[in-house]
Amino acid sequence: IGSVRGYQGYSISPVDGVDSSGDPFKIGGTQTFSNSLEFSVPLVPEARMRATAFIDYGMIGEKSLTEIKRGGYGVSLEWFSPVGPLQLVFANPIGDKPGDDITHFEFTIGQRF
């Protein structure tokens, strides 16, 4: 939820073969970049609840940033509850490729960094 929404966390990565179970062996990258653009509107100001629309974009690579590029877009509902910030995210990937681990729903509670 902290980078490119629409993909599983830490799933956008260069790979080096497959592991013993046949899953891609993700090696991470030495260079990364991610950016988000969000538009939010208050839904219930007294309850500190708002709706947002977003678009995310990220790049990662071992030798250059142009190796893997992915994006995502969607909407979210944010509520600053008494136990901490709660966020429900409904996302879709942009530019997904076969083998990408995508997700359409994410949930967090607690501070975002």
PDB file of N, CA and C in Angstrom:
ATOM      1  N   ILE A   1       0.829  -1.192   0.000  1.00  0.00           N
ATOM      2  CA  ILE A   1       0.000   0.000   0.000  1.00  0.00           C
ATOM      3  C   ILE A   1       0.874   1.256   0.000  1.00  0.00           C
ATOM      4  N   GLY A   2       2.145   1.090   0.330  1.00  0.00           N
ATOM      5  CA  GLY A   2       3.022   2.243   0.394  1.00  0.00           C
ATOM      6  C   GLY A   2       3.720   2.576  -0.904  1.00  0.00           C
ATOM      7  N   SER A   3       3.499   1.797  -1.966  1.00  0.00           N
ATOM      8  CA  SER A   3       4.177   2.123  -3.223  1.00  0.00           C
ATOM      9  C   SER A   3       3.181   2.097  -4.374  1.00  0.00           C
ATOM     10  N   VAL A   4       3.159   1.044  -5.164  1.00  0.00           N
ATOM     11  CA  VAL A   4       2.269   0.970  -6.323  1.00  0.00           C
ATOM     12  C   VAL A   4       1.063   0.101  -5.960  1.00  0.00           C
ATOM     13  N   ARG A   5      -0.053   0.754  -5.681  1.00  0.00           N
ATOM     14  CA  ARG A   5      -1.263   0.013  -5.318  1.00  0.00           C
ATOM     15  C   ARG A   5      -1.814  -0.695  -6.551  1.00  0.00           C
ATOM     16  N   GLY A   6      -2.373  -1.879  -6.337  1.00  0.00           N
ATOM     17  CA  GLY A   6      -2.836  -2.735  -7.423  1.00  0.00           C
ATOM     18  C   GLY A   6      -1.961  -3.972  -7.559  1.00  0.00           C
ATOM     19  N   TYR A   7      -0.831  -3.965  -6.840  1.00  0.00           N
ATOM     20  CA  TYR A   7       0.104  -5.091  -6.833  1.00  0.00           C
ATOM     21  C   TYR A   7       0.365  -5.503  -5.394  1.00  0.00           C
ATOM     22  N   GLN A   8       0.634  -6.781  -5.178  1.00  0.00           N
ATOM     23  CA  GLN A   8       0.995  -7.259  -3.846  1.00  0.00           C
ATOM     24  C   GLN A   8       2.271  -6.547  -3.395  1.00  0.00           C
ATOM     25  N   GLY A   9       2.376  -6.303  -2.104  1.00  0.00           N
ATOM     26  CA  GLY A   9       3.563  -5.662  -1.552  1.00  0.00           C
ATOM     27  C   GLY A   9       4.835  -6.425  -1.891  1.00  0.00           C
ATOM     28  N   TYR A  10       5.853  -5.720  -2.283  1.00  0.00           N
ATOM     29  CA  TYR A  10       7.173  -6.277  -2.617  1.00  0.00           C
ATOM     30  C   TYR A  10       7.151  -7.265  -3.778  1.00  0.00           C
ATOM     31  N   SER A  11       6.106  -7.218  -4.607  1.00  0.00           N
ATOM     32  CA  SER A  11       6.031  -8.187  -5.705  1.00  0.00           C
ATOM     33  C   SER A  11       6.618  -7.666  -7.012  1.00  0.00           C
ATOM     34  N   ILE A  12       6.784  -6.368  -7.146  1.00  0.00           N
ATOM     35  CA  ILE A  12       7.369  -5.810  -8.366  1.00  0.00           C
ATOM     36  C   ILE A  12       8.879  -5.833  -8.171  1.00  0.00           C
ATOM     37  N   SER A  13       9.541  -6.751  -8.845  1.00  0.00           N
ATOM     38  CA  SER A  13      10.961  -6.958  -8.598  1.00  0.00           C
ATOM     39  C   SER A  13      11.607  -7.712  -9.740  1.00  0.00           C
ATOM     40  N   PRO A  14      12.889  -7.432 -10.012  1.00  0.00           N
ATOM     41  CA  PRO A  14      13.626  -8.296 -10.940  1.00  0.00           C
ATOM     42  C   PRO A  14      13.704  -9.704 -10.365  1.00  0.00           C
ATOM     43  N   VAL A  15      13.747 -10.699 -11.250  1.00  0.00           N
ATOM     44  CA  VAL A  15      13.822 -12.094 -10.813  1.00  0.00           C
ATOM     45  C   VAL A  15      15.084 -12.747 -11.355  1.00  0.00           C
ATOM     46  N   ASP A  16      15.503 -13.802 -10.657  1.00  0.00           N
ATOM     47  CA  ASP A  16      16.665 -14.574 -11.069  1.00  0.00           C
ATOM     48  C   ASP A  16      16.314 -16.046 -10.939  1.00  0.00           C
ATOM     49  N   GLY A  17      15.651 -16.579 -11.954  1.00  0.00           N
ATOM     50  CA  GLY A  17      15.267 -17.990 -11.941  1.00  0.00           C
ATOM     51  C   GLY A  17      14.045 -18.240 -11.082  1.00  0.00           C
ATOM     52  N   VAL A  18      13.908 -19.497 -10.649  1.00  0.00           N
ATOM     53  CA  VAL A  18      12.782 -19.900  -9.814  1.00  0.00           C
ATOM     54  C   VAL A  18      13.303 -20.621  -8.577  1.00  0.00           C
ATOM     55  N   ASP A  19      12.507 -20.583  -7.492  1.00  0.00           N
ATOM     56  CA  ASP A  19      12.917 -21.284  -6.278  1.00  0.00           C
ATOM     57  C   ASP A  19      12.469 -22.747  -6.344  1.00  0.00           C
ATOM     58  N   SER A  20      12.645 -23.496  -5.259  1.00  0.00           N
ATOM     59  CA  SER A  20      12.355 -24.933  -5.252  1.00  0.00           C
ATOM     60  C   SER A  20      10.879 -25.258  -5.466  1.00  0.00           C
ATOM     61  N   SER A  21       9.987 -24.308  -5.189  1.00  0.00           N
ATOM     62  CA  SER A  21       8.555 -24.551  -5.401  1.00  0.00           C
ATOM     63  C   SER A  21       8.081 -24.062  -6.769  1.00  0.00           C
ATOM     64  N   GLY A  22       8.994 -23.546  -7.583  1.00  0.00           N
ATOM     65  CA  GLY A  22       8.651 -23.094  -8.925  1.00  0.00           C
ATOM     66  C   GLY A  22       8.231 -21.639  -9.010  1.00  0.00           C
ATOM     67  N   ASP A  23       8.269 -20.931  -7.879  1.00  0.00           N
ATOM     68  CA  ASP A  23       7.927 -19.507  -7.876  1.00  0.00           C
ATOM     69  C   ASP A  23       9.141 -18.684  -8.286  1.00  0.00           C
ATOM     70  N   PRO A  24       8.915 -17.520  -8.917  1.00  0.00           N
ATOM     71  CA  PRO A  24      10.051 -16.679  -9.302  1.00  0.00           C
ATOM     72  C   PRO A  24      10.874 -16.269  -8.084  1.00  0.00           C
ATOM     73  N   PHE A  25      12.193 -16.319  -8.204  1.00  0.00           N
ATOM     74  CA  PHE A  25      13.095 -15.896  -7.138  1.00  0.00           C
ATOM     75  C   PHE A  25      13.365 -14.410  -7.315  1.00  0.00           C
ATOM     76  N   LYS A  26      12.719 -13.607  -6.478  1.00  0.00           N
ATOM     77  CA  LYS A  26      12.813 -12.148  -6.591  1.00  0.00           C
ATOM     78  C   LYS A  26      14.063 -11.658  -5.886  1.00  0.00           C
ATOM     79  N   ILE A  27      14.867 -10.893  -6.617  1.00  0.00           N
ATOM     80  CA  ILE A  27      16.141 -10.441  -6.069  1.00  0.00           C
ATOM     81  C   ILE A  27      16.119  -8.981  -5.644  1.00  0.00           C
ATOM     82  N   GLY A  28      15.013  -8.287  -5.880  1.00  0.00           N
ATOM     83  CA  GLY A  28      14.961  -6.873  -5.531  1.00  0.00           C
ATOM     84  C   GLY A  28      15.714  -6.050  -6.548  1.00  0.00           C
ATOM     85  N   GLY A  29      15.774  -4.781  -6.322  1.00  0.00           N
ATOM     86  CA  GLY A  29      16.462  -3.888  -7.240  1.00  0.00           C
ATOM     87  C   GLY A  29      17.415  -2.989  -6.489  1.00  0.00           C
ATOM     88  N   THR A  30      18.348  -2.435  -7.206  1.00  0.00           N
ATOM     89  CA  THR A  30      19.288  -1.497  -6.596  1.00  0.00           C
ATOM     90  C   THR A  30      18.836  -0.049  -6.801  1.00  0.00           C
ATOM     91  N   GLN A  31      17.871   0.133  -7.723  1.00  0.00           N
ATOM     92  CA  GLN A  31      17.352   1.468  -8.000  1.00  0.00           C
ATOM     93  C   GLN A  31      15.823   1.401  -8.028  1.00  0.00           C
ATOM     94  N   THR A  32      15.169   2.294  -7.288  1.00  0.00           N
ATOM     95  CA  THR A  32      13.712   2.336  -7.297  1.00  0.00           C
ATOM     96  C   THR A  32      13.219   3.767  -7.339  1.00  0.00           C
ATOM     97  N   PHE A  33      12.024   3.917  -7.846  1.00  0.00           N
ATOM     98  CA  PHE A  33      11.349   5.215  -7.873  1.00  0.00           C
ATOM     99  C   PHE A  33       9.852   4.942  -7.833  1.00  0.00           C
ATOM    100  N   SER A  34       9.132   5.665  -6.994  1.00  0.00           N
ATOM    101  CA  SER A  34       7.670   5.562  -7.012  1.00  0.00           C
ATOM    102  C   SER A  34       7.079   6.937  -6.722  1.00  0.00           C
ATOM    103  N   ASN A  35       5.906   7.156  -7.279  1.00  0.00           N
ATOM    104  CA  ASN A  35       5.247   8.440  -7.130  1.00  0.00           C
ATOM    105  C   ASN A  35       3.746   8.215  -7.130  1.00  0.00           C
ATOM    106  N   SER A  36       3.013   9.079  -6.440  1.00  0.00           N
ATOM    107  CA  SER A  36       1.554   8.997  -6.366  1.00  0.00           C
ATOM    108  C   SER A  36       0.952  10.375  -6.561  1.00  0.00           C
ATOM    109  N   LEU A  37      -0.217  10.366  -7.152  1.00  0.00           N
ATOM    110  CA  LEU A  37      -1.021  11.574  -7.263  1.00  0.00           C
ATOM    111  C   LEU A  37      -2.380  11.223  -6.677  1.00  0.00           C
ATOM    112  N   GLU A  38      -2.814  11.979  -5.666  1.00  0.00           N
ATOM    113  CA  GLU A  38      -4.085  11.704  -5.007  1.00  0.00           C
ATOM    114  C   GLU A  38      -4.953  12.949  -4.992  1.00  0.00           C
ATOM    115  N   PHE A  39      -6.245  12.712  -5.082  1.00  0.00           N
ATOM    116  CA  PHE A  39      -7.249  13.765  -4.955  1.00  0.00           C
ATOM    117  C   PHE A  39      -8.214  13.301  -3.885  1.00  0.00           C
ATOM    118  N   SER A  40      -8.396  14.102  -2.832  1.00  0.00           N
ATOM    119  CA  SER A  40      -9.285  13.663  -1.757  1.00  0.00           C
ATOM    120  C   SER A  40     -10.388  14.697  -1.511  1.00  0.00           C
ATOM    121  N   VAL A  41     -11.534  14.176  -1.077  1.00  0.00           N
ATOM    122  CA  VAL A  41     -12.676  15.027  -0.731  1.00  0.00           C
ATOM    123  C   VAL A  41     -13.224  14.537   0.606  1.00  0.00           C
ATOM    124  N   PRO A  42     -13.617  15.473   1.469  1.00  0.00           N
ATOM    125  CA  PRO A  42     -14.207  15.053   2.742  1.00  0.00           C
ATOM    126  C   PRO A  42     -15.580  14.427   2.520  1.00  0.00           C
ATOM    127  N   LEU A  43     -15.832  13.314   3.194  1.00  0.00           N
ATOM    128  CA  LEU A  43     -17.149  12.672   3.140  1.00  0.00           C
ATOM    129  C   LEU A  43     -17.989  13.060   4.350  1.00  0.00           C
ATOM    130  N   VAL A  44     -17.404  12.839   5.524  1.00  0.00           N
ATOM    131  CA  VAL A  44     -18.060  13.189   6.783  1.00  0.00           C
ATOM    132  C   VAL A  44     -17.025  13.939   7.625  1.00  0.00           C
ATOM    133  N   PRO A  45     -16.955  15.270   7.476  1.00  0.00           N
ATOM    134  CA  PRO A  45     -15.914  16.024   8.180  1.00  0.00           C
ATOM    135  C   PRO A  45     -15.918  15.811   9.701  1.00  0.00           C
ATOM    136  N   GLU A  46     -17.110  15.685  10.320  1.00  0.00           N
ATOM    137  CA  GLU A  46     -17.172  15.493  11.772  1.00  0.00           C
ATOM    138  C   GLU A  46     -16.520  14.187  12.202  1.00  0.00           C
ATOM    139  N   ALA A  47     -16.595  13.176  11.355  1.00  0.00           N
ATOM    140  CA  ALA A  47     -15.998  11.868  11.656  1.00  0.00           C
ATOM    141  C   ALA A  47     -14.580  11.740  11.106  1.00  0.00           C
ATOM    142  N   ARG A  48     -14.083  12.804  10.473  1.00  0.00           N
ATOM    143  CA  ARG A  48     -12.755  12.800   9.849  1.00  0.00           C
ATOM    144  C   ARG A  48     -12.630  11.651   8.850  1.00  0.00           C
ATOM    145  N   MET A  49     -13.588  11.575   7.941  1.00  0.00           N
ATOM    146  CA  MET A  49     -13.620  10.545   6.908  1.00  0.00           C
ATOM    147  C   MET A  49     -13.536  11.221   5.541  1.00  0.00           C
ATOM    148  N   ARG A  50     -12.748  10.641   4.650  1.00  0.00           N
ATOM    149  CA  ARG A  50     -12.618  11.201   3.307  1.00  0.00           C
ATOM    150  C   ARG A  50     -12.478  10.096   2.269  1.00  0.00           C
ATOM    151  N   ALA A  51     -12.779  10.451   1.031  1.00  0.00           N
ATOM    152  CA  ALA A  51     -12.610   9.558  -0.114  1.00  0.00           C
ATOM    153  C   ALA A  51     -11.473  10.105  -0.964  1.00  0.00           C
ATOM    154  N   THR A  52     -10.695   9.205  -1.550  1.00  0.00           N
ATOM    155  CA  THR A  52      -9.603   9.635  -2.420  1.00  0.00           C
ATOM    156  C   THR A  52      -9.639   8.852  -3.726  1.00  0.00           C
ATOM    157  N   ALA A  53      -9.162   9.492  -4.753  1.00  0.00           N
ATOM    158  CA  ALA A  53      -8.887   8.847  -6.039  1.00  0.00           C
ATOM    159  C   ALA A  53      -7.382   8.988  -6.250  1.00  0.00           C
ATOM    160  N   PHE A  54      -6.748   7.969  -6.783  1.00  0.00           N
ATOM    161  CA  PHE A  54      -5.294   8.008  -6.896  1.00  0.00           C
ATOM    162  C   PHE A  54      -4.818   7.350  -8.181  1.00  0.00           C
ATOM    163  N   ILE A  55      -3.595   7.695  -8.522  1.00  0.00           N
ATOM    164  CA  ILE A  55      -2.838   6.997  -9.562  1.00  0.00           C
ATOM    165  C   ILE A  55      -1.406   6.883  -9.043  1.00  0.00           C
ATOM    166  N   ASP A  56      -0.836   5.700  -9.130  1.00  0.00           N
ATOM    167  CA  ASP A  56       0.530   5.423  -8.672  1.00  0.00           C
ATOM    168  C   ASP A  56       1.378   4.998  -9.861  1.00  0.00           C
ATOM    169  N   TYR A  57       2.676   5.246  -9.762  1.00  0.00           N
ATOM    170  CA  TYR A  57       3.598   4.829 -10.807  1.00  0.00           C
ATOM    171  C   TYR A  57       4.917   4.473 -10.145  1.00  0.00           C
ATOM    172  N   GLY A  58       5.529   3.387 -10.572  1.00  0.00           N
ATOM    173  CA  GLY A  58       6.805   3.000 -10.004  1.00  0.00           C
ATOM    174  C   GLY A  58       7.710   2.332 -11.020  1.00  0.00           C
ATOM    175  N   MET A  59       9.002   2.437 -10.754  1.00  0.00           N
ATOM    176  CA  MET A  59      10.022   1.798 -11.585  1.00  0.00           C
ATOM    177  C   MET A  59      11.044   1.157 -10.652  1.00  0.00           C
ATOM    178  N   ILE A  60      11.602   0.032 -11.091  1.00  0.00           N
ATOM    179  CA  ILE A  60      12.638  -0.639 -10.313  1.00  0.00           C
ATOM    180  C   ILE A  60      13.569  -1.359 -11.281  1.00  0.00           C
ATOM    181  N   GLY A  61      14.804  -1.479 -10.900  1.00  0.00           N
ATOM    182  CA  GLY A  61      15.759  -2.200 -11.732  1.00  0.00           C
ATOM    183  C   GLY A  61      17.019  -2.535 -10.971  1.00  0.00           C
ATOM    184  N   GLU A  62      17.743  -3.463 -11.547  1.00  0.00           N
ATOM    185  CA  GLU A  62      19.025  -3.843 -10.967  1.00  0.00           C
ATOM    186  C   GLU A  62      20.138  -2.954 -11.519  1.00  0.00           C
ATOM    187  N   LYS A  63      20.048  -2.640 -12.819  1.00  0.00           N
ATOM    188  CA  LYS A  63      21.073  -1.802 -13.447  1.00  0.00           C
ATOM    189  C   LYS A  63      20.553  -0.431 -13.849  1.00  0.00           C
ATOM    190  N   SER A  64      19.224  -0.322 -14.105  1.00  0.00           N
ATOM    191  CA  SER A  64      18.635   0.977 -14.445  1.00  0.00           C
ATOM    192  C   SER A  64      17.167   0.980 -14.047  1.00  0.00           C
ATOM    193  N   LEU A  65      16.612   2.164 -13.936  1.00  0.00           N
ATOM    194  CA  LEU A  65      15.217   2.304 -13.550  1.00  0.00           C
ATOM    195  C   LEU A  65      14.246   1.877 -14.640  1.00  0.00           C
ATOM    196  N   THR A  66      14.701   1.684 -15.837  1.00  0.00           N
ATOM    197  CA  THR A  66      13.797   1.367 -16.934  1.00  0.00           C
ATOM    198  C   THR A  66      13.515  -0.126 -17.088  1.00  0.00           C
ATOM    199  N   GLU A  67      14.051  -0.965 -16.211  1.00  0.00           N
ATOM    200  CA  GLU A  67      13.865  -2.412 -16.346  1.00  0.00           C
ATOM    201  C   GLU A  67      12.420  -2.839 -16.111  1.00  0.00           C
ATOM    202  N   ILE A  68      11.789  -2.360 -15.047  1.00  0.00           N
ATOM    203  CA  ILE A  68      10.407  -2.721 -14.734  1.00  0.00           C
ATOM    204  C   ILE A  68       9.639  -1.444 -14.421  1.00  0.00           C
ATOM    205  N   LYS A  69       8.519  -1.249 -15.117  1.00  0.00           N
ATOM    206  CA  LYS A  69       7.656  -0.089 -14.894  1.00  0.00           C
ATOM    207  C   LYS A  69       6.238  -0.592 -14.688  1.00  0.00           C
ATOM    208  N   ARG A  70       5.585  -0.136 -13.622  1.00  0.00           N
ATOM    209  CA  ARG A  70       4.208  -0.526 -13.354  1.00  0.00           C
ATOM    210  C   ARG A  70       3.447   0.670 -12.792  1.00  0.00           C
ATOM    211  N   GLY A  71       2.140   0.623 -12.935  1.00  0.00           N
ATOM    212  CA  GLY A  71       1.280   1.664 -12.396  1.00  0.00           C
ATOM    213  C   GLY A  71       0.020   1.051 -11.823  1.00  0.00           C
ATOM    214  N   GLY A  72      -0.734   1.877 -11.132  1.00  0.00           N
ATOM    215  CA  GLY A  72      -2.004   1.449 -10.577  1.00  0.00           C
ATOM    216  C   GLY A  72      -2.900   2.655 -10.357  1.00  0.00           C
ATOM    217  N   TYR A  73      -4.199   2.415 -10.311  1.00  0.00           N
ATOM    218  CA  TYR A  73      -5.154   3.495 -10.052  1.00  0.00           C
ATOM    219  C   TYR A  73      -6.314   2.936  -9.248  1.00  0.00           C
ATOM    220  N   GLY A  74      -7.052   3.824  -8.609  1.00  0.00           N
ATOM    221  CA  GLY A  74      -8.204   3.361  -7.861  1.00  0.00           C
ATOM    222  C   GLY A  74      -8.759   4.423  -6.940  1.00  0.00           C
ATOM    223  N   VAL A  75      -9.525   3.948  -5.979  1.00  0.00           N
ATOM    224  CA  VAL A  75     -10.153   4.818  -4.983  1.00  0.00           C
ATOM    225  C   VAL A  75      -9.909   4.229  -3.600  1.00  0.00           C
ATOM    226  N   SER A  76     -10.006   5.080  -2.589  1.00  0.00           N
ATOM    227  CA  SER A  76      -9.865   4.591  -1.223  1.00  0.00           C
ATOM    228  C   SER A  76     -10.778   5.381  -0.299  1.00  0.00           C
ATOM    229  N   LEU A  77     -11.047   4.781   0.830  1.00  0.00           N
ATOM    230  CA  LEU A  77     -11.815   5.396   1.893  1.00  0.00           C
ATOM    231  C   LEU A  77     -10.900   5.484   3.094  1.00  0.00           C
ATOM    232  N   GLU A  78     -10.725   6.693   3.636  1.00  0.00           N
ATOM    233  CA  GLU A  78      -9.846   6.900   4.786  1.00  0.00           C
ATOM    234  C   GLU A  78     -10.663   7.428   5.948  1.00  0.00           C
ATOM    235  N   TRP A  79     -10.426   6.875   7.139  1.00  0.00           N
ATOM    236  CA  TRP A  79     -11.110   7.313   8.337  1.00  0.00           C
ATOM    237  C   TRP A  79     -10.084   7.424   9.446  1.00  0.00           C
ATOM    238  N   PHE A  80      -9.991   8.580  10.043  1.00  0.00           N
ATOM    239  CA  PHE A  80      -9.085   8.800  11.164  1.00  0.00           C
ATOM    240  C   PHE A  80      -9.838   8.400  12.432  1.00  0.00           C
ATOM    241  N   SER A  81      -9.854   7.098  12.714  1.00  0.00           N
ATOM    242  CA  SER A  81     -10.633   6.524  13.806  1.00  0.00           C
ATOM    243  C   SER A  81      -9.925   6.740  15.149  1.00  0.00           C
ATOM    244  N   PRO A  82     -10.631   6.485  16.250  1.00  0.00           N
ATOM    245  CA  PRO A  82     -10.004   6.617  17.569  1.00  0.00           C
ATOM    246  C   PRO A  82      -8.818   5.670  17.788  1.00  0.00           C
ATOM    247  N   VAL A  83      -8.768   4.548  17.063  1.00  0.00           N
ATOM    248  CA  VAL A  83      -7.639   3.614  17.222  1.00  0.00           C
ATOM    249  C   VAL A  83      -6.521   3.863  16.216  1.00  0.00           C
ATOM    250  N   GLY A  84      -6.697   4.832  15.355  1.00  0.00           N
ATOM    251  CA  GLY A  84      -5.681   5.169  14.366  1.00  0.00           C
ATOM    252  C   GLY A  84      -6.278   5.268  12.978  1.00  0.00           C
ATOM    253  N   PRO A  85      -5.511   5.758  12.016  1.00  0.00           N
ATOM    254  CA  PRO A  85      -6.015   5.897  10.651  1.00  0.00           C
ATOM    255  C   PRO A  85      -6.338   4.529  10.033  1.00  0.00           C
ATOM    256  N   LEU A  86      -7.495   4.428   9.431  1.00  0.00           N
ATOM    257  CA  LEU A  86      -7.952   3.213   8.775  1.00  0.00           C
ATOM    258  C   LEU A  86      -8.115   3.524   7.296  1.00  0.00           C
ATOM    259  N   GLN A  87      -7.624   2.655   6.427  1.00  0.00           N
ATOM    260  CA  GLN A  87      -7.707   2.900   4.984  1.00  0.00           C
ATOM    261  C   GLN A  87      -8.139   1.623   4.260  1.00  0.00           C
ATOM    262  N   LEU A  88      -9.173   1.757   3.437  1.00  0.00           N
ATOM    263  CA  LEU A  88      -9.644   0.690   2.558  1.00  0.00           C
ATOM    264  C   LEU A  88      -9.339   1.119   1.133  1.00  0.00           C
ATOM    265  N   VAL A  89      -8.584   0.320   0.396  1.00  0.00           N
ATOM    266  CA  VAL A  89      -8.130   0.678  -0.943  1.00  0.00           C
ATOM    267  C   VAL A  89      -8.679  -0.311  -1.958  1.00  0.00           C
ATOM    268  N   PHE A  90      -9.256   0.222  -3.019  1.00  0.00           N
ATOM    269  CA  PHE A  90      -9.741  -0.569  -4.147  1.00  0.00           C
ATOM    270  C   PHE A  90      -8.928  -0.132  -5.355  1.00  0.00           C
ATOM    271  N   ALA A  91      -8.069  -1.016  -5.869  1.00  0.00           N
ATOM    272  CA  ALA A  91      -7.091  -0.631  -6.886  1.00  0.00           C
ATOM    273  C   ALA A  91      -7.118  -1.568  -8.084  1.00  0.00           C
ATOM    274  N   ASN A  92      -6.617  -1.052  -9.190  1.00  0.00           N
ATOM    275  CA  ASN A  92      -6.429  -1.829 -10.416  1.00  0.00           C
ATOM    276  C   ASN A  92      -5.032  -1.566 -10.942  1.00  0.00           C
ATOM    277  N   PRO A  93      -4.350  -2.599 -11.433  1.00  0.00           N
ATOM    278  CA  PRO A  93      -3.012  -2.404 -11.983  1.00  0.00           C
ATOM    279  C   PRO A  93      -3.070  -1.781 -13.375  1.00  0.00           C
ATOM    280  N   ILE A  94      -2.002  -1.100 -13.719  1.00  0.00           N
ATOM    281  CA  ILE A  94      -1.791  -0.573 -15.077  1.00  0.00           C
ATOM    282  C   ILE A  94      -0.488  -1.186 -15.578  1.00  0.00           C
ATOM    283  N   GLY A  95      -0.526  -1.780 -16.750  1.00  0.00           N
ATOM    284  CA  GLY A  95       0.692  -2.339 -17.342  1.00  0.00           C
ATOM    285  C   GLY A  95       1.128  -3.642 -16.722  1.00  0.00           C
ATOM    286  N   ASP A  96       0.197  -4.393 -16.108  1.00  0.00           N
ATOM    287  CA  ASP A  96       0.594  -5.665 -15.497  1.00  0.00           C
ATOM    288  C   ASP A  96       0.974  -6.668 -16.579  1.00  0.00           C
ATOM    289  N   LYS A  97       1.857  -7.550 -16.198  1.00  0.00           N
ATOM    290  CA  LYS A  97       2.388  -8.573 -17.105  1.00  0.00           C
ATOM    291  C   LYS A  97       2.051  -9.959 -16.553  1.00  0.00           C
ATOM    292  N   PRO A  98       2.082 -10.993 -17.384  1.00  0.00           N
ATOM    293  CA  PRO A  98       1.867 -12.348 -16.874  1.00  0.00           C
ATOM    294  C   PRO A  98       2.859 -12.655 -15.754  1.00  0.00           C
ATOM    295  N   GLY A  99       2.359 -13.228 -14.677  1.00  0.00           N
ATOM    296  CA  GLY A  99       3.210 -13.544 -13.532  1.00  0.00           C
ATOM    297  C   GLY A  99       3.219 -12.487 -12.447  1.00  0.00           C
ATOM    298  N   ASP A 100       2.668 -11.291 -12.713  1.00  0.00           N
ATOM    299  CA  ASP A 100       2.604 -10.256 -11.682  1.00  0.00           C
ATOM    300  C   ASP A 100       1.603 -10.665 -10.605  1.00  0.00           C
ATOM    301  N   ASP A 101       1.919 -10.344  -9.367  1.00  0.00           N
ATOM    302  CA  ASP A 101       1.015 -10.604  -8.240  1.00  0.00           C
ATOM    303  C   ASP A 101       0.161  -9.362  -8.025  1.00  0.00           C
ATOM    304  N   ILE A 102      -1.051  -9.386  -8.558  1.00  0.00           N
ATOM    305  CA  ILE A 102      -1.915  -8.210  -8.443  1.00  0.00           C
ATOM    306  C   ILE A 102      -2.904  -8.391  -7.299  1.00  0.00           C
ATOM    307  N   THR A 103      -3.426  -7.271  -6.834  1.00  0.00           N
ATOM    308  CA  THR A 103      -4.454  -7.278  -5.804  1.00  0.00           C
ATOM    309  C   THR A 103      -5.408  -6.126  -6.085  1.00  0.00           C
ATOM    310  N   HIS A 104      -6.674  -6.346  -5.771  1.00  0.00           N
ATOM    311  CA  HIS A 104      -7.672  -5.302  -6.011  1.00  0.00           C
ATOM    312  C   HIS A 104      -8.165  -4.667  -4.721  1.00  0.00           C
ATOM    313  N   PHE A 105      -7.802  -5.231  -3.563  1.00  0.00           N
ATOM    314  CA  PHE A 105      -8.244  -4.692  -2.285  1.00  0.00           C
ATOM    315  C   PHE A 105      -7.106  -4.745  -1.287  1.00  0.00           C
ATOM    316  N   GLU A 106      -6.912  -3.644  -0.548  1.00  0.00           N
ATOM    317  CA  GLU A 106      -5.924  -3.584   0.519  1.00  0.00           C
ATOM    318  C   GLU A 106      -6.545  -2.871   1.708  1.00  0.00           C
ATOM    319  N   PHE A 107      -6.081  -3.213   2.885  1.00  0.00           N
ATOM    320  CA  PHE A 107      -6.596  -2.648   4.120  1.00  0.00           C
ATOM    321  C   PHE A 107      -5.424  -2.340   5.035  1.00  0.00           C
ATOM    322  N   THR A 108      -5.397  -1.170   5.618  1.00  0.00           N
ATOM    323  CA  THR A 108      -4.357  -0.849   6.602  1.00  0.00           C
ATOM    324  C   THR A 108      -4.983  -0.106   7.774  1.00  0.00           C
ATOM    325  N   ILE A 109      -4.332  -0.221   8.883  1.00  0.00           N
ATOM    326  CA  ILE A 109      -4.669   0.589  10.051  1.00  0.00           C
ATOM    327  C   ILE A 109      -3.344   1.042  10.635  1.00  0.00           C
ATOM    328  N   GLY A 110      -3.225   2.315  10.903  1.00  0.00           N
ATOM    329  CA  GLY A 110      -1.989   2.881  11.430  1.00  0.00           C
ATOM    330  C   GLY A 110      -1.452   3.946  10.488  1.00  0.00           C
ATOM    331  N   GLN A 111      -0.388   4.579  10.918  1.00  0.00           N
ATOM    332  CA  GLN A 111       0.213   5.691  10.185  1.00  0.00           C
ATOM    333  C   GLN A 111       0.825   5.246   8.865  1.00  0.00           C
ATOM    334  N   ARG A 112       0.711   6.109   7.844  1.00  0.00           N
ATOM    335  CA  ARG A 112       1.423   5.926   6.591  1.00  0.00           C
ATOM    336  C   ARG A 112       2.680   6.767   6.626  1.00  0.00           C
ATOM    337  N   PHE A 113       3.739   6.276   6.018  1.00  0.00           N
ATOM    338  CA  PHE A 113       4.986   7.047   5.971  1.00  0.00           C
ATOM    339  C   PHE A 113       5.270   7.469   4.569  1.00  0.00           C
TER     340      PHE A 113
END
